[in-house]
């Protein structure tokens, strides 16, 4: 048997090979370990950055809540206290660093308030005060920091004006109506895919782009209701003889229907909406007798005030009807300032209304088109009727106004009419009915486009934030001050 003995050269070659393999393995191991460690550090940093963002949001919310409590005792009627307190807030309203979890002292939040002084609006004779600014929340986690800014407004403006729709009881959205802005319904929000109009028309479910608060603010339950078709009672009317006005008030706003689970809200609502609970909204009762005397007195010496009445030869006042607009003798205006109509107000045709109108009687709005840059405020002790606006037309009539009635119901239609309100609506109960696309007539019947979300709504309400930041003279106010969020949150790292 032969025995092969390796030479010294072969032994050295094998050793070198082994050493190279060990070296390469070590290098790859170190590289892999480095990548793993860097990846872990990156994940940890990202995790801390996310934590800092959440902590910043907690700080901003805490600041918002604390500011609400700080303002609770103020009354806008005492201007000395208001200006003194606001000045103090701008200097010292801030929260010290706080840790939500005491076992993690490196994870903290804090907040501060920054106000834009002097106030944007300060009208002591009208009880109106508005100052803007922002609450900045800062969050820190293991050296990573984020900030969130909430743009806010401290104001005595009645907070119903912060919403596209405000109801002290119930809101009904029927058919393809569209709401751009927040909704507040103190009791409930009812939804239906049919527009209630004569022989009611199947459309699509309403579209809401904004926040929705419905029901008791202290309850986690969102009071959304679906109204089954079989519970609806709408009068059968000849379409050739009917307009929207003549079938108002035929809705049973007390019919609750079926409670919708919050998780299924998107089955009954279109749009980019968010179900939320907000602080209680104040819907103040307007003292029309007091307002009448105030405006009547000031109108004698101040050109901003206008008092409209019908007086006989003895000076006794009588209820009157005041007609304005391009279809009336009074004409298109502009109508500026603060008005009190001792009687009914009829707006017929194109008109420019800049200001606040208090109406002792009813308000009728028809054939409307307004071009005032900031919505007017129309506050009626009686009913408000809006009808026959751009009937059967594809483009909407535009009404730049907040409509507020002290009566129980406010009903608006976008079936024959095509109406866009830039502002908002306020009442005890609000009922909207609308369809999508074009409406026409044929053989005495209404003819509708196919009802789809991509077609324009014939009734749209869009909240106009310019009213909140720069309201017209004479708007209703509250006795205290409230803070409200304006616009979206701004996040920075």
Protein backbone atom coordinates (compact mmCIF):
# COMPACT_ATOMS: atom_id res chain seq x y z
CA UNK A 1 0.00 0.00 0.00
CA UNK A 2 1.27 3.50 -0.97
CA UNK A 3 1.33 6.33 1.54
CA UNK A 4 1.11 9.90 0.26
CA UNK A 5 2.79 12.46 2.44
CA UNK A 6 1.92 16.15 1.89
CA UNK A 7 4.76 18.50 1.26
CA UNK A 8 5.36 21.64 3.35
CA UNK A 9 4.06 23.76 0.44
CA UNK A 10 0.71 21.99 0.40
CA UNK A 11 0.34 22.35 4.21
CA UNK A 12 0.95 26.08 3.94
CA UNK A 13 -1.58 26.47 1.15
CA UNK A 14 -4.33 24.75 3.15
CA UNK A 15 -3.60 26.94 6.17
CA UNK A 16 -3.83 30.12 4.11
CA UNK A 17 -7.16 28.96 2.66
CA UNK A 18 -8.55 28.29 6.13
CA UNK A 19 -7.36 31.70 7.40
CA UNK A 20 -8.97 33.46 4.41
CA UNK A 21 -12.27 31.67 5.02
CA UNK A 22 -12.17 32.66 8.73
CA UNK A 23 -11.30 36.26 7.82
CA UNK A 24 -14.09 36.56 5.26
CA UNK A 25 -16.58 35.00 7.67
CA UNK A 26 -15.54 37.47 10.38
CA UNK A 27 -15.82 40.42 8.01
CA UNK A 28 -19.30 39.30 6.87
CA UNK A 29 -20.34 38.70 10.47
CA UNK A 30 -19.19 42.15 11.56
CA UNK A 31 -20.94 43.74 8.57
CA UNK A 32 -24.15 41.83 9.32
CA UNK A 33 -23.95 42.80 12.97
CA UNK A 34 -23.39 46.42 12.01
CA UNK A 35 -26.40 46.39 9.67
CA UNK A 36 -28.51 44.73 12.37
CA UNK A 37 -27.44 47.26 15.01
CA UNK A 38 -28.00 50.19 12.66
CA UNK A 39 -31.38 48.78 11.73
CA UNK A 40 -32.29 48.44 15.38
CA UNK A 41 -31.16 52.01 16.04
CA UNK A 42 -33.18 53.24 13.06
CA UNK A 43 -36.29 51.38 14.24
CA UNK A 44 -35.78 52.70 17.76
CA UNK A 45 -35.33 56.25 16.49
CA UNK A 46 -38.45 55.94 14.34
CA UNK A 47 -40.34 54.53 17.31
CA UNK A 48 -39.23 57.44 19.50
CA UNK A 49 -40.13 59.93 16.78
CA UNK A 50 -43.62 58.42 16.57
CA UNK A 51 -43.93 58.53 20.37
CA UNK A 52 -42.86 62.17 20.41
CA UNK A 53 -45.56 62.97 17.83
CA UNK A 54 -48.26 61.32 19.91
CA UNK A 55 -46.99 63.11 23.02
CA UNK A 56 -47.11 66.42 21.13
CA UNK A 57 -50.76 65.74 20.25
CA UNK A 58 -51.47 64.94 23.90
CA UNK A 59 -49.85 68.23 24.87
CA UNK A 60 -51.87 70.23 22.35
CA UNK A 61 -55.13 68.61 23.50
CA UNK A 62 -54.24 69.22 27.15
CA UNK A 63 -53.56 72.88 26.37
CA UNK A 64 -56.86 73.19 24.52
CA UNK A 65 -58.77 71.69 27.45
CA UNK A 66 -56.98 73.85 30.05
CA UNK A 67 -57.66 76.97 27.98
CA UNK A 68 -61.38 76.14 27.91
CA UNK A 69 -61.38 75.95 31.70
CA UNK A 70 -59.40 79.17 32.05
CA UNK A 71 -61.94 81.05 29.91
CA UNK A 72 -65.02 79.62 31.61
CA UNK A 73 -65.35 82.45 34.14
CA UNK A 74 -64.94 85.33 31.68
CA UNK A 75 -67.85 87.42 30.40
CA UNK A 76 -67.49 89.51 27.27
CA UNK A 77 -69.70 92.21 28.82
CA UNK A 78 -66.88 93.11 31.22
CA UNK A 79 -64.35 94.42 28.73
CA UNK A 80 -61.76 95.41 31.32
CA UNK A 81 -61.51 91.88 32.67
CA UNK A 82 -61.47 90.40 29.16
CA UNK A 83 -58.59 92.51 27.88
CA UNK A 84 -56.64 92.02 31.11
CA UNK A 85 -57.12 88.25 31.06
CA UNK A 86 -56.24 87.88 27.38
CA UNK A 87 -53.08 89.90 27.91
CA UNK A 88 -52.19 87.63 30.83
CA UNK A 89 -52.88 84.51 28.77
CA UNK A 90 -50.49 85.62 26.05
CA UNK A 91 -47.70 85.88 28.62
CA UNK A 92 -48.12 82.97 31.02
CA UNK A 93 -50.41 80.30 29.59
CA UNK A 94 -48.11 77.30 29.31
CA UNK A 95 -47.85 73.85 30.82
CA UNK A 96 -44.73 72.45 32.49
CA UNK A 97 -43.27 69.21 31.10
CA UNK A 98 -45.40 66.26 32.18
CA UNK A 99 -44.89 62.50 31.80
CA UNK A 100 -48.05 60.46 31.15
CA UNK A 101 -46.20 57.40 32.52
CA UNK A 102 -44.19 58.19 35.70
CA UNK A 103 -41.94 55.18 35.02
CA UNK A 104 -40.78 56.79 31.75
CA UNK A 105 -39.51 60.25 32.70
CA UNK A 106 -37.85 60.66 29.28
CA UNK A 107 -41.26 60.69 27.56
CA UNK A 108 -42.93 64.05 28.23
CA UNK A 109 -45.27 66.65 26.75
CA UNK A 110 -45.87 70.34 27.34
CA UNK A 111 -47.83 73.19 25.73
CA UNK A 112 -47.93 76.93 25.30
CA UNK A 113 -50.37 79.49 23.89
CA UNK A 114 -49.29 82.11 21.36
CA UNK A 115 -51.81 84.90 20.62
CA UNK A 116 -51.85 87.44 17.80
CA UNK A 117 -52.34 90.73 19.61
CA UNK A 118 -53.98 93.19 19.35
CA UNK A 119 -57.32 91.35 18.89
CA UNK A 120 -58.56 90.94 15.34
CA UNK A 121 -62.04 92.16 16.32
CA UNK A 122 -62.88 94.24 19.39
CA UNK A 123 -66.33 95.86 19.41
CA UNK A 124 -67.48 96.54 22.97
CA UNK A 125 -70.75 98.13 21.82
CA UNK A 126 -71.72 94.85 20.14
CA UNK A 127 -70.24 92.49 22.75
CA UNK A 128 -67.96 91.04 20.07
CA UNK A 129 -64.38 90.01 20.77
CA UNK A 130 -62.14 87.84 18.57
CA UNK A 131 -58.45 87.07 19.03
CA UNK A 132 -56.56 84.41 17.06
CA UNK A 133 -53.46 82.38 17.80
CA UNK A 134 -52.32 78.82 18.26
CA UNK A 135 -51.67 76.22 20.96
CA UNK A 136 -48.34 74.48 20.47
CA UNK A 137 -47.89 71.03 21.96
CA UNK A 138 -44.36 69.62 22.23
CA UNK A 139 -43.57 65.94 22.75
CA UNK A 140 -40.20 64.43 23.65
CA UNK A 141 -39.17 60.75 23.67
CA UNK A 142 -35.56 59.64 24.20
CA UNK A 143 -34.17 62.80 22.64
CA UNK A 144 -36.60 62.93 19.70
CA UNK A 145 -38.93 65.96 19.59
CA UNK A 146 -42.11 66.80 17.67
CA UNK A 147 -44.49 69.76 17.80
CA UNK A 148 -48.16 70.13 16.92
CA UNK A 149 -49.87 73.46 16.42
CA UNK A 150 -53.63 73.93 16.72
CA UNK A 151 -54.78 77.20 15.25
CA UNK A 152 -57.41 78.58 17.63
CA UNK A 153 -59.73 81.51 18.07
CA UNK A 154 -60.96 82.95 21.36
CA UNK A 155 -64.27 84.63 20.71
CA UNK A 156 -67.64 85.76 22.03
CA UNK A 157 -69.22 84.95 18.65
CA UNK A 158 -72.12 82.50 19.07
CA UNK A 159 -70.49 79.12 18.53
CA UNK A 160 -73.29 77.88 16.25
CA UNK A 161 -71.51 79.82 13.51
CA UNK A 162 -68.62 77.32 13.64
CA UNK A 163 -70.79 74.73 11.89
CA UNK A 164 -72.32 74.25 8.49
CA UNK A 165 -75.40 72.95 10.33
CA UNK A 166 -76.41 73.43 13.98
CA UNK A 167 -79.61 72.00 15.46
CA UNK A 168 -80.77 72.06 19.07
CA UNK A 169 -82.74 68.88 18.31
CA UNK A 170 -82.60 66.86 15.08
CA UNK A 171 -81.09 67.08 11.60
CA UNK A 172 -82.52 65.11 8.67
CA UNK A 173 -80.36 64.58 5.58
CA UNK A 174 -82.44 63.07 2.79
CA UNK A 175 -81.08 62.04 -0.60
CA UNK A 176 -78.01 63.35 -2.37
CA UNK A 177 -77.45 66.56 -0.40
CA UNK A 178 -73.84 67.64 0.20
CA UNK A 179 -72.41 69.25 3.35
CA UNK A 180 -68.89 70.70 3.39
CA UNK A 181 -68.20 71.53 7.02
CA UNK A 182 -68.97 70.31 10.52
CA UNK A 183 -72.41 69.26 11.76
CA UNK A 184 -73.83 69.56 15.28
CA UNK A 185 -77.13 67.86 16.18
CA UNK A 186 -77.81 67.96 19.91
CA UNK A 187 -80.32 65.10 19.75
CA UNK A 188 -79.86 62.99 16.61
CA UNK A 189 -78.94 62.90 12.95
CA UNK A 190 -81.34 61.01 10.66
CA UNK A 191 -80.30 59.72 7.23
CA UNK A 192 -82.21 58.51 4.20
CA UNK A 193 -81.37 57.86 0.55
CA UNK A 194 -84.69 59.29 -0.65
CA UNK A 195 -85.42 62.97 -1.25
CA UNK A 196 -88.82 63.68 0.32
CA UNK A 197 -90.61 65.67 -2.35
CA UNK A 198 -94.12 64.87 -3.45
CA UNK A 199 -93.70 61.30 -4.69
CA UNK A 200 -90.32 60.93 -2.96
CA UNK A 201 -87.37 60.27 -5.22
CA UNK A 202 -84.71 57.62 -4.58
CA UNK A 203 -81.30 59.25 -4.80
CA UNK A 204 -78.10 58.34 -2.93
CA UNK A 205 -77.13 58.68 0.70
CA UNK A 206 -76.01 62.17 1.79
CA UNK A 207 -72.40 63.34 1.50
CA UNK A 208 -70.67 64.96 4.47
CA UNK A 209 -67.11 66.28 4.43
CA UNK A 210 -66.39 67.31 8.00
CA UNK A 211 -66.90 66.33 11.62
CA UNK A 212 -70.25 65.09 12.90
CA UNK A 213 -71.35 65.41 16.52
CA UNK A 214 -74.80 63.95 17.21
CA UNK A 215 -76.41 63.10 20.51
CA UNK A 216 -75.40 63.68 24.12
CA UNK A 217 -71.80 64.92 24.17
CA UNK A 218 -71.16 62.97 27.39
CA UNK A 219 -72.26 59.68 25.81
CA UNK A 220 -69.95 57.53 23.64
CA UNK A 221 -72.93 56.61 21.44
CA UNK A 222 -73.29 58.55 18.19
CA UNK A 223 -76.99 59.17 17.60
CA UNK A 224 -77.19 58.31 13.91
CA UNK A 225 -80.47 56.91 12.62
CA UNK A 226 -81.58 55.36 9.38
CA UNK A 227 -85.19 56.05 8.40
CA UNK A 228 -86.78 52.98 6.77
CA UNK A 229 -88.81 53.63 3.64
CA UNK A 230 -92.01 52.24 5.11
CA UNK A 231 -92.04 54.83 7.92
CA UNK A 232 -92.10 57.83 5.57
CA UNK A 233 -95.33 59.73 5.09
CA UNK A 234 -95.13 62.33 2.31
CA UNK A 235 -98.16 63.88 0.60
CA UNK A 236 -98.88 62.87 -2.98
CA UNK A 237 -98.94 66.05 -5.05
CA UNK A 238 -99.19 66.98 -8.72
CA UNK A 239 -95.70 68.12 -9.67
CA UNK A 240 -97.12 70.78 -12.02
CA UNK A 241 -98.87 72.47 -9.12
CA UNK A 242 -96.20 72.17 -6.48
CA UNK A 243 -93.10 74.08 -5.50
CA UNK A 244 -90.76 73.38 -2.63
CA UNK A 245 -92.45 75.89 -0.35
CA UNK A 246 -95.89 74.30 -0.41
CA UNK A 247 -94.79 70.95 1.03
CA UNK A 248 -92.59 72.25 3.84
CA UNK A 249 -93.36 71.00 7.32
CA UNK A 250 -94.68 67.62 6.15
CA UNK A 251 -91.80 65.70 7.74
CA UNK A 252 -92.14 63.76 10.95
CA UNK A 253 -88.92 64.88 12.64
CA UNK A 254 -89.80 62.86 15.75
CA UNK A 255 -89.50 59.54 13.87
CA UNK A 256 -86.26 58.04 15.16
CA UNK A 257 -85.89 55.06 12.86
CA UNK A 258 -83.10 52.52 13.34
CA UNK A 259 -79.94 53.34 15.29
CA UNK A 260 -76.83 52.94 13.12
CA UNK A 261 -73.74 51.30 14.58
CA UNK A 262 -70.83 53.73 14.30
CA UNK A 263 -68.72 51.11 12.51
CA UNK A 264 -71.36 50.97 9.74
CA UNK A 265 -71.74 54.73 9.29
CA UNK A 266 -70.08 54.57 5.86
CA UNK A 267 -72.94 52.37 4.68
CA UNK A 268 -75.29 55.32 5.18
CA UNK A 269 -73.06 58.34 4.54
CA UNK A 270 -70.74 59.35 1.71
CA UNK A 271 -67.78 61.69 1.94
CA UNK A 272 -64.80 62.28 4.21
CA UNK A 273 -66.52 62.55 7.57
CA UNK A 274 -65.47 61.87 11.15
CA UNK A 275 -67.78 60.95 14.03
CA UNK A 276 -66.73 62.86 17.12
CA UNK A 277 -67.99 64.44 20.32
CA UNK A 278 -67.46 68.13 20.90
CA UNK A 279 -68.08 70.49 23.78
CA UNK A 280 -71.69 71.51 24.32
CA UNK A 281 -72.77 74.11 21.78
CA UNK A 282 -74.72 77.15 22.95
CA UNK A 283 -77.76 77.98 20.82
CA UNK A 284 -78.78 81.27 22.42
CA UNK A 285 -82.37 82.47 22.38
CA UNK A 286 -82.56 85.88 20.72
CA UNK A 287 -84.49 88.49 22.72
CA UNK A 288 -86.19 90.16 19.75
CA UNK A 289 -87.97 92.79 21.87
CA UNK A 290 -84.67 93.91 23.36
CA UNK A 291 -82.92 93.77 19.98
CA UNK A 292 -85.72 95.77 18.36
CA UNK A 293 -85.48 98.57 20.92
CA UNK A 294 -81.69 98.62 20.73
CA UNK A 295 -81.55 98.94 16.94
CA UNK A 296 -84.47 101.38 16.77
CA UNK A 297 -82.70 103.69 19.23
CA UNK A 298 -79.25 103.46 17.64
CA UNK A 299 -80.64 103.94 14.12
CA UNK A 300 -81.50 107.55 15.03
CA UNK A 301 -77.84 108.52 15.45
CA UNK A 302 -75.68 105.75 13.96
CA UNK A 303 -75.70 105.14 10.20
CA UNK A 304 -74.68 101.50 10.66
CA UNK A 305 -78.12 100.70 12.12
CA UNK A 306 -81.34 100.45 10.12
CA UNK A 307 -84.85 100.09 11.51
CA UNK A 308 -87.63 99.20 9.05
CA UNK A 309 -91.30 99.53 9.98
CA UNK A 310 -94.60 100.84 8.65
CA UNK A 311 -95.94 103.83 10.59
CA UNK A 312 -99.31 105.56 10.24
CA UNK A 313 -99.91 109.30 10.48
CA UNK A 314 -100.05 109.09 14.26
CA UNK A 315 -96.68 107.34 14.41
CA UNK A 316 -98.11 103.96 15.37
CA UNK A 317 -95.99 101.13 14.02
CA UNK A 318 -97.47 98.31 11.98
CA UNK A 319 -96.10 95.04 10.69
CA UNK A 320 -94.72 95.48 7.20
CA UNK A 321 -93.17 93.51 4.35
CA UNK A 322 -89.75 94.68 3.24
CA UNK A 323 -88.81 93.59 -0.28
CA UNK A 324 -85.24 93.74 -1.57
CA UNK A 325 -83.47 92.30 -4.60
CA UNK A 326 -83.31 92.85 -8.34
CA UNK A 327 -86.95 91.80 -8.76
CA UNK A 328 -88.19 94.50 -6.36
CA UNK A 329 -88.35 98.29 -6.34
CA UNK A 330 -85.71 98.46 -3.61
CA UNK A 331 -83.09 96.93 -5.91
CA UNK A 332 -79.87 95.00 -5.42
CA UNK A 333 -78.26 97.09 -2.69
CA UNK A 334 -75.69 96.79 -1.19
CA UNK A 335 -77.46 96.47 2.16
CA UNK A 336 -74.79 97.08 4.80
CA UNK A 337 -74.85 97.24 8.57
CA UNK A 338 -77.26 96.04 11.23
CA UNK A 339 -80.95 95.78 10.35
CA UNK A 340 -84.18 95.19 12.22
CA UNK A 341 -87.23 94.42 10.11
CA UNK A 342 -90.46 94.90 12.07
CA UNK A 343 -92.36 92.59 9.77
CA UNK A 344 -91.49 90.10 7.01
CA UNK A 345 -88.42 90.15 4.77
CA UNK A 346 -88.62 89.04 1.14
CA UNK A 347 -85.39 88.70 -0.86
CA UNK A 348 -86.25 88.24 -4.52
CA UNK A 349 -83.51 88.17 -7.18
CA UNK A 350 -79.88 89.24 -7.16
CA UNK A 351 -78.81 91.17 -4.08
CA UNK A 352 -75.75 92.16 -2.06
CA UNK A 353 -76.28 91.83 1.68
CA UNK A 354 -73.40 92.70 4.00
CA UNK A 355 -74.38 92.60 7.63
CA UNK A 356 -76.89 91.16 10.04
CA UNK A 357 -80.69 91.13 9.60
CA UNK A 358 -83.03 90.55 12.54
CA UNK A 359 -86.52 89.82 11.22
CA UNK A 360 -89.58 89.94 13.51
CA UNK A 361 -91.67 87.95 11.02
CA UNK A 362 -90.96 85.43 8.27
CA UNK A 363 -88.17 85.41 5.68
CA UNK A 364 -88.71 84.37 2.06
CA UNK A 365 -85.73 83.88 -0.26
CA UNK A 366 -86.33 83.11 -3.95
CA UNK A 367 -84.61 83.56 -7.32
CA UNK A 368 -81.50 84.35 -5.31
CA UNK A 369 -77.93 85.13 -6.26
CA UNK A 370 -75.66 86.97 -3.84
CA UNK A 371 -72.15 88.29 -4.34
CA UNK A 372 -71.19 89.56 -0.87
CA UNK A 373 -67.67 88.32 -0.02
CA UNK A 374 -68.51 87.44 3.61
CA UNK A 375 -71.79 85.69 4.43
CA UNK A 376 -74.56 87.78 5.91
CA UNK A 377 -76.48 86.68 9.02
CA UNK A 378 -80.26 86.41 8.69
CA UNK A 379 -81.95 85.73 12.03
CA UNK A 380 -85.73 85.29 11.97
CA UNK A 381 -88.23 85.09 14.79
CA UNK A 382 -90.59 83.54 12.25
CA UNK A 383 -90.06 80.91 9.60
CA UNK A 384 -87.50 80.93 6.79
CA UNK A 385 -88.63 79.75 3.34
CA UNK A 386 -86.05 79.24 0.58
CA UNK A 387 -87.50 78.04 -2.71
CA UNK A 388 -87.65 78.41 -6.50
CA UNK A 389 -83.94 79.07 -6.95
CA UNK A 390 -82.47 78.18 -10.35
CA UNK A 391 -85.26 75.74 -11.06
CA UNK A 392 -84.32 72.98 -13.55
CA UNK A 393 -80.95 74.64 -14.17
CA UNK A 394 -77.62 72.83 -14.06
CA UNK A 395 -75.76 75.60 -12.21
CA UNK A 396 -76.68 76.56 -8.63
CA UNK A 397 -78.10 79.77 -7.24
CA UNK A 398 -75.62 81.08 -4.67
CA UNK A 399 -76.67 82.34 -1.24
CA UNK A 400 -73.85 83.68 0.93
CA UNK A 401 -75.51 83.68 4.33
CA UNK A 402 -76.13 82.00 7.66
CA UNK A 403 -79.84 81.31 8.08
CA UNK A 404 -81.13 81.10 11.66
CA UNK A 405 -84.79 80.64 12.58
CA UNK A 406 -86.26 80.61 16.09
CA UNK A 407 -89.10 78.42 14.82
CA UNK A 408 -89.05 74.64 15.20
CA UNK A 409 -88.27 73.58 11.61
CA UNK A 410 -86.15 74.76 8.71
CA UNK A 411 -86.67 72.78 5.48
CA UNK A 412 -84.52 73.26 2.37
CA UNK A 413 -84.84 71.62 -1.05
CA UNK A 414 -82.60 70.83 -3.98
CA UNK A 415 -84.89 68.80 -6.22
CA UNK A 416 -86.34 71.26 -8.70
CA UNK A 417 -84.18 74.07 -7.33
CA UNK A 418 -80.38 74.08 -7.52
CA UNK A 419 -78.98 75.89 -4.48
CA UNK A 420 -75.58 76.41 -2.91
CA UNK A 421 -75.40 78.07 0.51
CA UNK A 422 -72.02 79.41 1.56
CA UNK A 423 -72.38 79.90 5.29
CA UNK A 424 -74.66 77.65 7.31
CA UNK A 425 -78.12 76.91 8.72
CA UNK A 426 -79.32 77.00 12.34
CA UNK A 427 -82.65 75.84 13.81
CA UNK A 428 -84.25 73.46 16.29
CA UNK A 429 -84.85 70.91 13.52
CA UNK A 430 -83.29 71.04 10.05
CA UNK A 431 -84.58 68.99 7.12
CA UNK A 432 -82.64 68.85 3.84
CA UNK A 433 -83.88 67.12 0.68
CA UNK A 434 -81.86 66.86 -2.50
CA UNK A 435 -80.96 64.88 -5.59
CA UNK A 436 -77.94 64.74 -7.90
CA UNK A 437 -77.45 65.92 -11.47
CA UNK A 438 -80.09 67.49 -13.71
CA UNK A 439 -83.83 67.62 -13.15
CA UNK A 440 -86.30 68.29 -15.95
CA UNK A 441 -90.01 67.82 -16.74
CA UNK A 442 -91.75 65.69 -19.31
CA UNK A 443 -95.45 64.85 -19.67
CA UNK A 444 -96.15 66.40 -16.30
CA UNK A 445 -93.54 64.26 -14.54
CA UNK A 446 -90.13 65.02 -13.09
CA UNK A 447 -87.22 63.43 -14.96
CA UNK A 448 -83.97 62.85 -13.07
CA UNK A 449 -80.41 61.93 -14.02
CA UNK A 450 -79.10 58.62 -12.79
CA UNK A 451 -78.28 59.22 -9.13
CA UNK A 452 -74.52 58.79 -8.63
CA UNK A 453 -71.98 60.43 -6.34
CA UNK A 454 -69.95 61.89 -9.21
CA UNK A 455 -72.87 64.11 -10.25
CA UNK A 456 -73.18 67.53 -8.57
CA UNK A 457 -75.59 67.90 -5.68
CA UNK A 458 -78.59 70.18 -6.23
CA UNK A 459 -78.40 71.27 -2.58
CA UNK A 460 -74.99 72.05 -1.10
CA UNK A 461 -74.13 73.79 2.17
CA UNK A 462 -70.50 74.87 2.54
CA UNK A 463 -69.28 76.41 5.78
CA UNK A 464 -67.44 79.69 5.19
CA UNK A 465 -64.69 80.22 7.76
CA UNK A 466 -64.32 83.88 6.78
CA UNK A 467 -67.51 84.55 8.72
CA UNK A 468 -65.96 83.13 11.90
CA UNK A 469 -62.71 85.10 11.62
CA UNK A 470 -64.25 88.34 10.35
CA UNK A 471 -68.01 88.37 11.05
CA UNK A 472 -70.33 91.16 9.93
CA UNK A 473 -71.50 93.83 12.36
CA UNK A 474 -74.27 92.93 14.77
CA UNK A 475 -73.99 89.14 14.78
CA UNK A 476 -75.40 87.25 17.79
CA UNK A 477 -72.89 86.66 20.59
CA UNK A 478 -72.67 84.70 23.83
CA UNK A 479 -72.08 86.24 27.25
CA UNK A 480 -68.77 84.49 27.77
CA UNK A 481 -65.73 83.56 25.71
CA UNK A 482 -65.03 80.22 24.08
CA UNK A 483 -62.04 78.77 22.29
CA UNK A 484 -62.52 76.97 19.00
CA UNK A 485 -60.21 75.25 16.55
CA UNK A 486 -59.71 76.97 13.19
CA UNK A 487 -58.31 74.92 10.30
CA UNK A 488 -56.23 71.74 10.53
CA UNK A 489 -53.45 70.69 12.88
CA UNK A 490 -49.89 71.43 11.76
CA UNK A 491 -47.23 68.84 12.63
CA UNK A 492 -43.47 69.39 12.54
CA UNK A 493 -40.46 67.38 13.73
